[in-house]
């Protein structure tokens, strides 16, 4: 379970770096090469006082092997440090491009235990034209849950440490993943993006399918016969009252739920964001069956193959102080997982919930200082609960 989540949340969202800065552009013959990314690191202090059994709970528990309930680490946040290289050109009336990226971890394990973790999260090519849209082939962030994570305040910070950041030695923390939305994850895909029609656009993709997995699911990794299908529709507008709304969906047949059974996961989501006079308000909700919690197809099925229902969402309010530029933000969200029909599993997670307060200050054009407090609660099916209080501060630099 820990390995699965570590891989799942070792994410990076180059779109954020690209939107913050144009990167370093280099003309190279017919190509324009862009180098961009970020470097970040945070001091993280976690305090936990409970040690209840919550399978899939994202609150850290009190250590049973040490004398205290606290843990400290120096770690990257939700965004791993990131180096991305992209290039684009125009050939045969087509816009052609490619992107490859590398994510080194800022935290370290002892060299005898494997040293620092690193990831390769993007490798894709694109071609298209603004008259009819574009095609992307390769590995990139998936569609379902993409807008939810891109608009999450903890994207520039830490949020929940979850199961992968209690004492360092990991690539990223969890942010709000699993406490308000399902993780989009980086996956192989063939995606079509439509043109922008006066603010309206849509995306559709065939994606690498996931196997059912989890400490209480009964599912095992297996070869999947069919791909996953994901899509979203978006409408964005500008002006004094600017904003965006979106709807999204995901479906996949999942083989290997049990030794003899398969199942299907379906989920939909709705979200929106508006801004006015320095204030921003974001809301998101999802509802599905057979998709699990935290990551797609994680704990999605019972040991006998029954589908578990899940839902969740988050709300976020932020304000940017005029002249200073500091953004003050607060958010609350939860993700819920129900037992399958007839299932008895008292230690399975029922709810992961998190409150976060944060301040994000632009020290320079490229450097942001960050301070956050998060309260994370994980509850099992019979009401036993674990609670983590997490304080972090650090900096993130975009280039």
Protein backbone atom coordinates (compact mmCIF):
# COMPACT_ATOMS: atom_id res chain seq x y z
CA UNK A 1 0.00 0.00 0.00
CA UNK A 2 2.72 2.46 0.95
CA UNK A 3 4.67 1.75 -2.24
CA UNK A 4 1.53 2.23 -4.35
CA UNK A 5 0.71 5.56 -2.73
CA UNK A 6 4.32 6.72 -2.89
CA UNK A 7 4.29 6.20 -6.64
CA UNK A 8 0.83 7.66 -7.02
CA UNK A 9 1.50 10.92 -5.23
CA UNK A 10 5.01 11.54 -6.54
CA UNK A 11 3.49 14.11 -8.85
CA UNK A 12 4.52 17.35 -10.48
CA UNK A 13 2.33 19.82 -12.29
CA UNK A 14 4.46 21.64 -14.88
CA UNK A 15 1.42 23.67 -15.93
CA UNK A 16 1.77 25.66 -12.72
CA UNK A 17 5.37 26.55 -13.44
CA UNK A 18 4.54 27.38 -17.04
CA UNK A 19 1.72 29.72 -16.03
CA UNK A 20 3.84 31.44 -13.40
CA UNK A 21 6.78 32.10 -15.72
CA UNK A 22 7.49 31.61 -19.39
CA UNK A 23 10.58 29.61 -18.56
CA UNK A 24 13.93 29.88 -20.33
CA UNK A 25 13.34 30.01 -24.10
CA UNK A 26 16.14 29.04 -26.50
CA UNK A 27 15.85 29.26 -30.32
CA UNK A 28 17.30 26.09 -31.87
CA UNK A 29 16.96 25.97 -35.66
CA UNK A 30 13.30 25.33 -36.48
CA UNK A 31 12.52 24.71 -32.82
CA UNK A 32 11.91 26.90 -29.78
CA UNK A 33 13.09 25.06 -26.65
CA UNK A 34 11.68 26.01 -23.25
CA UNK A 35 13.27 24.98 -19.94
CA UNK A 36 11.17 25.45 -16.81
CA UNK A 37 10.20 23.99 -13.50
CA UNK A 38 10.54 24.59 -9.78
CA UNK A 39 12.66 23.87 -6.72
CA UNK A 40 11.02 23.71 -3.30
CA UNK A 41 11.66 22.48 0.22
CA UNK A 42 9.78 22.66 3.52
CA UNK A 43 10.31 22.02 7.18
CA UNK A 44 7.38 19.81 8.27
CA UNK A 45 6.39 19.02 11.84
CA UNK A 46 3.69 16.44 12.50
CA UNK A 47 2.02 15.66 15.81
CA UNK A 48 -0.24 12.62 16.20
CA UNK A 49 -1.72 11.17 19.38
CA UNK A 50 -3.74 8.18 18.14
CA UNK A 51 -2.87 4.69 16.95
CA UNK A 52 -6.17 3.29 15.70
CA UNK A 53 -6.39 0.87 12.78
CA UNK A 54 -7.69 2.79 9.75
CA UNK A 55 -6.82 0.99 6.50
CA UNK A 56 -6.33 3.77 3.97
CA UNK A 57 -6.41 6.56 6.56
CA UNK A 58 -4.31 9.60 5.69
CA UNK A 59 -3.69 10.87 9.23
CA UNK A 60 -0.35 9.77 10.60
CA UNK A 61 -0.50 7.66 13.75
CA UNK A 62 1.50 7.83 16.96
CA UNK A 63 4.70 5.87 16.54
CA UNK A 64 4.70 2.51 18.29
CA UNK A 65 8.46 2.22 18.03
CA UNK A 66 9.55 5.57 19.49
CA UNK A 67 8.93 7.52 22.68
CA UNK A 68 6.89 10.36 21.20
CA UNK A 69 4.03 11.32 18.93
CA UNK A 70 5.92 13.92 16.86
CA UNK A 71 7.94 13.66 13.66
CA UNK A 72 9.96 16.22 11.72
CA UNK A 73 11.27 16.20 8.18
CA UNK A 74 12.76 18.36 5.46
CA UNK A 75 10.82 17.45 2.34
CA UNK A 76 9.45 18.68 -0.94
CA UNK A 77 5.77 19.59 -0.80
CA UNK A 78 2.93 18.43 -3.03
CA UNK A 79 4.92 19.59 -6.05
CA UNK A 80 8.22 17.76 -6.36
CA UNK A 81 11.19 19.77 -7.51
CA UNK A 82 10.93 19.72 -11.28
CA UNK A 83 13.00 20.15 -14.43
CA UNK A 84 10.99 20.14 -17.63
CA UNK A 85 12.19 20.55 -21.21
CA UNK A 86 9.68 21.32 -23.96
CA UNK A 87 10.06 22.24 -27.62
CA UNK A 88 7.67 23.42 -30.31
CA UNK A 89 7.69 24.18 -34.02
CA UNK A 90 5.33 24.64 -36.98
CA UNK A 91 5.54 22.01 -39.74
CA UNK A 92 3.19 21.18 -42.63
CA UNK A 93 0.51 23.49 -41.19
CA UNK A 94 0.70 21.73 -37.82
CA UNK A 95 1.89 22.89 -34.41
CA UNK A 96 4.26 20.15 -33.24
CA UNK A 97 5.76 19.78 -29.78
CA UNK A 98 7.19 17.48 -27.12
CA UNK A 99 7.85 17.52 -23.35
CA UNK A 100 10.11 15.43 -21.11
CA UNK A 101 10.56 16.10 -17.38
CA UNK A 102 12.52 14.91 -14.36
CA UNK A 103 11.61 15.24 -10.66
CA UNK A 104 14.42 14.88 -8.09
CA UNK A 105 13.34 14.59 -4.44
CA UNK A 106 14.62 17.10 -1.89
CA UNK A 107 14.36 14.63 0.97
CA UNK A 108 16.77 11.78 1.55
CA UNK A 109 16.90 8.34 3.05
CA UNK A 110 20.15 6.86 4.33
CA UNK A 111 22.39 5.84 1.44
CA UNK A 112 22.32 2.22 2.63
CA UNK A 113 18.49 2.36 2.33
CA UNK A 114 18.48 3.58 -1.25
CA UNK A 115 19.18 7.31 -0.98
CA UNK A 116 16.91 9.98 -2.44
CA UNK A 117 13.88 9.27 -4.60
CA UNK A 118 13.50 10.61 -8.15
CA UNK A 119 10.72 10.43 -10.72
CA UNK A 120 10.14 10.80 -14.45
CA UNK A 121 6.52 11.98 -14.76
CA UNK A 122 6.18 13.34 -18.31
CA UNK A 123 7.15 12.17 -21.79
CA UNK A 124 4.69 13.11 -24.52
CA UNK A 125 4.36 14.59 -28.00
CA UNK A 126 1.63 16.82 -29.44
CA UNK A 127 0.45 17.91 -32.86
CA UNK A 128 -2.51 19.95 -34.03
CA UNK A 129 -3.83 23.30 -35.15
CA UNK A 130 -5.99 25.93 -33.47
CA UNK A 131 -8.65 25.40 -36.16
CA UNK A 132 -9.42 21.79 -35.14
CA UNK A 133 -7.60 21.11 -31.85
CA UNK A 134 -4.63 18.96 -30.87
CA UNK A 135 -3.61 15.37 -30.14
CA UNK A 136 -1.32 14.33 -27.29
CA UNK A 137 0.35 10.90 -27.01
CA UNK A 138 2.51 9.78 -24.10
CA UNK A 139 2.68 10.16 -20.33
CA UNK A 140 1.14 13.18 -18.58
CA UNK A 141 -1.32 14.18 -15.87
CA UNK A 142 -4.70 12.48 -16.33
CA UNK A 143 -7.95 14.35 -16.93
CA UNK A 144 -10.20 13.27 -14.07
CA UNK A 145 -9.34 15.31 -10.97
CA UNK A 146 -6.93 17.54 -12.89
CA UNK A 147 -8.78 20.83 -12.31
CA UNK A 148 -9.37 19.93 -8.66
CA UNK A 149 -5.66 19.59 -7.92
CA UNK A 150 -4.60 22.54 -10.08
CA UNK A 151 -6.87 24.85 -8.05
CA UNK A 152 -5.92 23.44 -4.61
CA UNK A 153 -4.09 25.93 -2.37
CA UNK A 154 -1.74 23.22 -1.07
CA UNK A 155 -0.30 22.83 -4.58
CA UNK A 156 2.31 25.40 -3.52
CA UNK A 157 2.72 23.87 -0.06
CA UNK A 158 2.44 20.62 1.88
CA UNK A 159 -1.10 19.88 3.10
CA UNK A 160 -1.42 16.29 4.27
CA UNK A 161 1.65 14.15 4.67
CA UNK A 162 -0.53 11.08 4.31
CA UNK A 163 1.26 7.75 4.43
CA UNK A 164 4.37 8.88 2.59
CA UNK A 165 5.86 11.80 4.48
CA UNK A 166 5.89 11.04 8.19
CA UNK A 167 9.65 11.30 8.55
CA UNK A 168 11.10 12.28 5.19
CA UNK A 169 12.73 10.09 2.58
CA UNK A 170 9.93 10.62 0.05
CA UNK A 171 9.45 12.61 -3.14
CA UNK A 172 6.24 14.50 -2.30
CA UNK A 173 3.52 14.99 0.27
CA UNK A 174 -0.20 14.53 -0.44
CA UNK A 175 -1.57 18.08 -0.38
CA UNK A 176 -5.37 17.64 -0.48
CA UNK A 177 -5.22 14.38 -2.44
CA UNK A 178 -7.60 11.95 -0.75
CA UNK A 179 -9.24 14.66 1.39
CA UNK A 180 -11.45 16.26 -1.25
CA UNK A 181 -10.57 14.71 -4.60
CA UNK A 182 -9.14 11.63 -6.30
CA UNK A 183 -5.61 11.95 -7.62
CA UNK A 184 -5.45 12.43 -11.40
CA UNK A 185 -2.03 10.71 -11.52
CA UNK A 186 0.48 10.66 -14.37
CA UNK A 187 -0.41 7.97 -16.89
CA UNK A 188 0.00 6.91 -20.51
CA UNK A 189 -2.68 8.47 -22.69
CA UNK A 190 -3.95 9.48 -26.10
CA UNK A 191 -5.84 12.74 -25.64
CA UNK A 192 -7.78 15.11 -27.89
CA UNK A 193 -8.15 18.78 -26.90
CA UNK A 194 -10.72 20.85 -28.74
CA UNK A 195 -10.27 24.43 -29.91
CA UNK A 196 -11.41 27.18 -27.56
CA UNK A 197 -14.82 28.44 -28.66
CA UNK A 198 -15.35 31.74 -26.81
CA UNK A 199 -14.32 30.15 -23.50
CA UNK A 200 -15.80 26.68 -24.07
CA UNK A 201 -13.55 23.64 -24.65
CA UNK A 202 -13.43 19.92 -23.97
CA UNK A 203 -10.91 17.09 -23.65
CA UNK A 204 -11.28 13.35 -24.21
CA UNK A 205 -8.69 10.63 -23.71
CA UNK A 206 -7.99 6.93 -23.79
CA UNK A 207 -5.79 6.23 -20.76
CA UNK A 208 -3.61 3.49 -19.34
CA UNK A 209 -5.97 1.41 -17.12
CA UNK A 210 -5.41 0.89 -13.41
CA UNK A 211 -5.53 -2.38 -11.47
CA UNK A 212 -7.61 -2.72 -8.31
CA UNK A 213 -5.31 -2.55 -5.32
CA UNK A 214 -5.42 -1.79 -1.61
CA UNK A 215 -4.91 -3.28 1.81
CA UNK A 216 -8.58 -4.16 2.17
CA UNK A 217 -9.74 -4.48 -1.43
CA UNK A 218 -8.90 -8.11 -2.09
CA UNK A 219 -7.82 -7.07 -5.55
CA UNK A 220 -4.44 -7.85 -7.02
CA UNK A 221 -2.45 -6.23 -9.78
CA UNK A 222 -3.34 -7.76 -13.12
CA UNK A 223 -3.18 -7.15 -16.85
CA UNK A 224 -6.13 -5.02 -17.94
CA UNK A 225 -7.99 -5.92 -21.14
CA UNK A 226 -9.53 -2.51 -21.80
CA UNK A 227 -8.28 1.07 -21.40
CA UNK A 228 -9.79 3.72 -19.16
CA UNK A 229 -11.83 6.54 -20.70
CA UNK A 230 -11.71 10.08 -19.29
CA UNK A 231 -13.16 13.40 -20.38
CA UNK A 232 -14.07 16.91 -19.28
CA UNK A 233 -15.87 20.01 -20.51
CA UNK A 234 -14.89 23.51 -19.42
CA UNK A 235 -16.17 27.05 -19.67
CA UNK A 236 -14.03 30.00 -18.60
CA UNK A 237 -14.69 33.73 -18.69
CA UNK A 238 -12.75 36.90 -17.93
CA UNK A 239 -13.58 40.33 -16.55
CA UNK A 240 -14.05 41.80 -13.07
CA UNK A 241 -15.91 38.64 -12.04
CA UNK A 242 -13.73 36.02 -13.74
CA UNK A 243 -14.09 32.29 -13.33
CA UNK A 244 -14.30 28.78 -14.68
CA UNK A 245 -16.68 25.84 -14.34
CA UNK A 246 -16.05 22.24 -15.36
CA UNK A 247 -17.61 18.78 -15.47
CA UNK A 248 -15.67 15.53 -15.78
CA UNK A 249 -16.04 11.77 -15.93
CA UNK A 250 -14.05 8.54 -15.80
CA UNK A 251 -14.95 4.91 -16.52
CA UNK A 252 -12.94 1.68 -16.63
CA UNK A 253 -13.54 -2.05 -16.61
CA UNK A 254 -11.23 -3.51 -13.93
CA UNK A 255 -10.00 -7.07 -14.35
CA UNK A 256 -8.50 -9.03 -11.45
CA UNK A 257 -10.80 -7.63 -8.76
CA UNK A 258 -10.78 -11.20 -7.42
CA UNK A 259 -9.26 -14.38 -8.87
CA UNK A 260 -12.40 -14.91 -10.95
CA UNK A 261 -14.22 -11.57 -11.13
CA UNK A 262 -13.98 -8.21 -12.83
CA UNK A 263 -15.83 -4.98 -12.11
CA UNK A 264 -16.37 -1.49 -13.48
CA UNK A 265 -15.48 1.85 -11.95
CA UNK A 266 -17.45 4.99 -12.79
CA UNK A 267 -17.15 8.50 -11.36
CA UNK A 268 -18.23 12.03 -12.22
CA UNK A 269 -17.19 15.41 -10.87
CA UNK A 270 -18.31 19.06 -10.94
CA UNK A 271 -16.27 22.11 -10.02
CA UNK A 272 -16.02 25.85 -10.30
CA UNK A 273 -13.86 28.81 -9.39
CA UNK A 274 -14.70 32.53 -9.31
CA UNK A 275 -12.70 35.61 -8.41
CA UNK A 276 -13.62 39.20 -7.59
CA UNK A 277 -11.73 42.13 -6.03
CA UNK A 278 -8.92 39.97 -4.71
CA UNK A 279 -11.19 37.21 -3.37
CA UNK A 280 -11.31 33.69 -4.81
CA UNK A 281 -13.83 30.92 -4.15
CA UNK A 282 -13.37 27.31 -5.35
CA UNK A 283 -15.72 24.37 -4.97
CA UNK A 284 -15.57 20.77 -6.16
CA UNK A 285 -17.60 17.56 -5.71
CA UNK A 286 -17.23 13.99 -7.03
CA UNK A 287 -19.33 10.82 -6.74
CA UNK A 288 -18.52 7.32 -7.97
CA UNK A 289 -18.67 3.56 -7.53
CA UNK A 290 -15.86 1.09 -8.01
CA UNK A 291 -13.18 3.81 -8.11
CA UNK A 292 -12.09 3.80 -4.47
CA UNK A 293 -10.51 6.68 -2.59
CA UNK A 294 -7.31 8.79 -2.70
CA UNK A 295 -6.10 7.23 -5.99
CA UNK A 296 -8.18 5.75 -8.80
CA UNK A 297 -9.00 2.06 -8.11
CA UNK A 298 -7.40 2.17 -4.65
CA UNK A 299 -9.67 0.23 -2.25
CA UNK A 300 -12.42 0.26 -4.89
CA UNK A 301 -13.74 -3.29 -4.33
CA UNK A 302 -14.42 -5.64 -1.43
CA UNK A 303 -12.57 -8.99 -1.13
CA UNK A 304 -15.57 -10.68 -2.81
CA UNK A 305 -15.65 -8.21 -5.71
CA UNK A 306 -18.40 -5.86 -4.52
CA UNK A 307 -18.13 -2.24 -5.61
CA UNK A 308 -17.62 0.36 -2.90
CA UNK A 309 -19.29 3.77 -3.34
CA UNK A 310 -17.21 6.88 -2.74
CA UNK A 311 -17.72 10.63 -2.83
CA UNK A 312 -16.15 13.83 -1.59
CA UNK A 313 -15.25 17.41 -2.33
CA UNK A 314 -13.73 20.60 -1.00
CA UNK A 315 -14.38 24.32 -0.64
CA UNK A 316 -11.68 26.97 -0.58
CA UNK A 317 -11.67 30.71 0.06
CA UNK A 318 -8.66 32.92 -0.54
CA UNK A 319 -7.80 36.62 -0.51
CA UNK A 320 -4.81 38.38 -2.04
CA UNK A 321 -3.72 41.43 -0.04
CA UNK A 322 -3.54 44.46 -2.39
CA UNK A 323 -0.08 45.91 -2.90
CA UNK A 324 1.59 43.20 -0.82
CA UNK A 325 0.57 40.23 -2.96
CA UNK A 326 0.33 37.79 -0.04
CA UNK A 327 -2.45 35.25 -0.51
CA UNK A 328 -4.27 34.06 2.60
CA UNK A 329 -6.27 30.88 2.03
CA UNK A 330 -8.39 28.43 3.96
CA UNK A 331 -10.02 25.21 2.79
CA UNK A 332 -11.92 22.18 4.02
CA UNK A 333 -12.54 18.90 2.28
CA UNK A 334 -13.27 15.23 2.80
CA UNK A 335 -13.30 11.95 0.89
CA UNK A 336 -15.68 9.17 1.95
CA UNK A 337 -15.70 5.44 1.21
CA UNK A 338 -18.64 3.10 1.88
CA UNK A 339 -18.61 -0.63 2.43
CA UNK A 340 -19.86 -2.80 -0.43
CA UNK A 341 -23.23 -4.49 -0.06
CA UNK A 342 -22.97 -7.18 2.61
CA UNK A 343 -19.37 -6.34 3.49
CA UNK A 344 -18.11 -6.32 7.08
CA UNK A 345 -14.77 -4.52 7.42
CA UNK A 346 -14.53 -2.38 10.58
CA UNK A 347 -10.98 -1.09 10.01
CA UNK A 348 -11.53 0.11 6.43
CA UNK A 349 -11.35 3.89 6.12
CA UNK A 350 -14.74 5.59 6.07
CA UNK A 351 -13.61 9.21 5.84
CA UNK A 352 -10.45 11.26 5.36
CA UNK A 353 -10.94 14.94 6.23
CA UNK A 354 -8.63 17.98 6.30
CA UNK A 355 -8.75 21.65 7.26
CA UNK A 356 -5.89 23.83 5.95
CA UNK A 357 -4.94 27.46 6.60
CA UNK A 358 -2.05 28.93 4.64
CA UNK A 359 -0.16 32.09 3.69
CA UNK A 360 1.66 32.33 0.35
CA UNK A 361 3.89 35.38 -0.11
CA UNK A 362 5.69 36.36 -3.36
CA UNK A 363 9.11 37.34 -2.02
CA UNK A 364 10.31 37.99 -5.58
CA UNK A 365 8.95 37.38 -9.07
CA UNK A 366 10.14 33.78 -8.84
CA UNK A 367 10.31 32.93 -5.11
CA UNK A 368 7.27 32.32 -2.89
CA UNK A 369 7.41 31.89 0.89
CA UNK A 370 4.84 29.46 2.30
CA UNK A 371 3.48 28.71 5.78
CA UNK A 372 0.62 26.25 6.46
CA UNK A 373 -1.29 24.52 9.21
CA UNK A 374 -3.34 21.39 8.45
CA UNK A 375 -5.56 19.25 10.65
CA UNK A 376 -6.05 15.77 9.16
CA UNK A 377 -8.56 13.23 10.50
CA UNK A 378 -9.04 9.64 9.36
CA UNK A 379 -11.99 7.57 10.57
CA UNK A 380 -12.74 3.87 10.08
CA UNK A 381 -16.11 2.22 9.52
CA UNK A 382 -16.87 1.88 13.26
CA UNK A 383 -15.86 5.44 14.18
CA UNK A 384 -12.31 5.01 15.51
CA UNK A 385 -10.27 8.04 14.51
CA UNK A 386 -6.68 9.20 14.05
CA UNK A 387 -5.75 12.89 14.00
CA UNK A 388 -2.63 14.66 12.72
CA UNK A 389 -1.70 18.30 13.23
CA UNK A 390 0.84 19.40 10.64
CA UNK A 391 2.77 22.69 10.56
CA UNK A 392 5.07 23.50 7.67
CA UNK A 393 7.02 26.44 6.29
CA UNK A 394 9.43 26.81 3.39
CA UNK A 395 9.82 28.24 -0.08
CA UNK A 396 9.15 27.37 -3.70
CA UNK A 397 10.98 28.89 -6.67
CA UNK A 398 9.63 28.78 -10.23
CA UNK A 399 11.83 29.31 -13.28
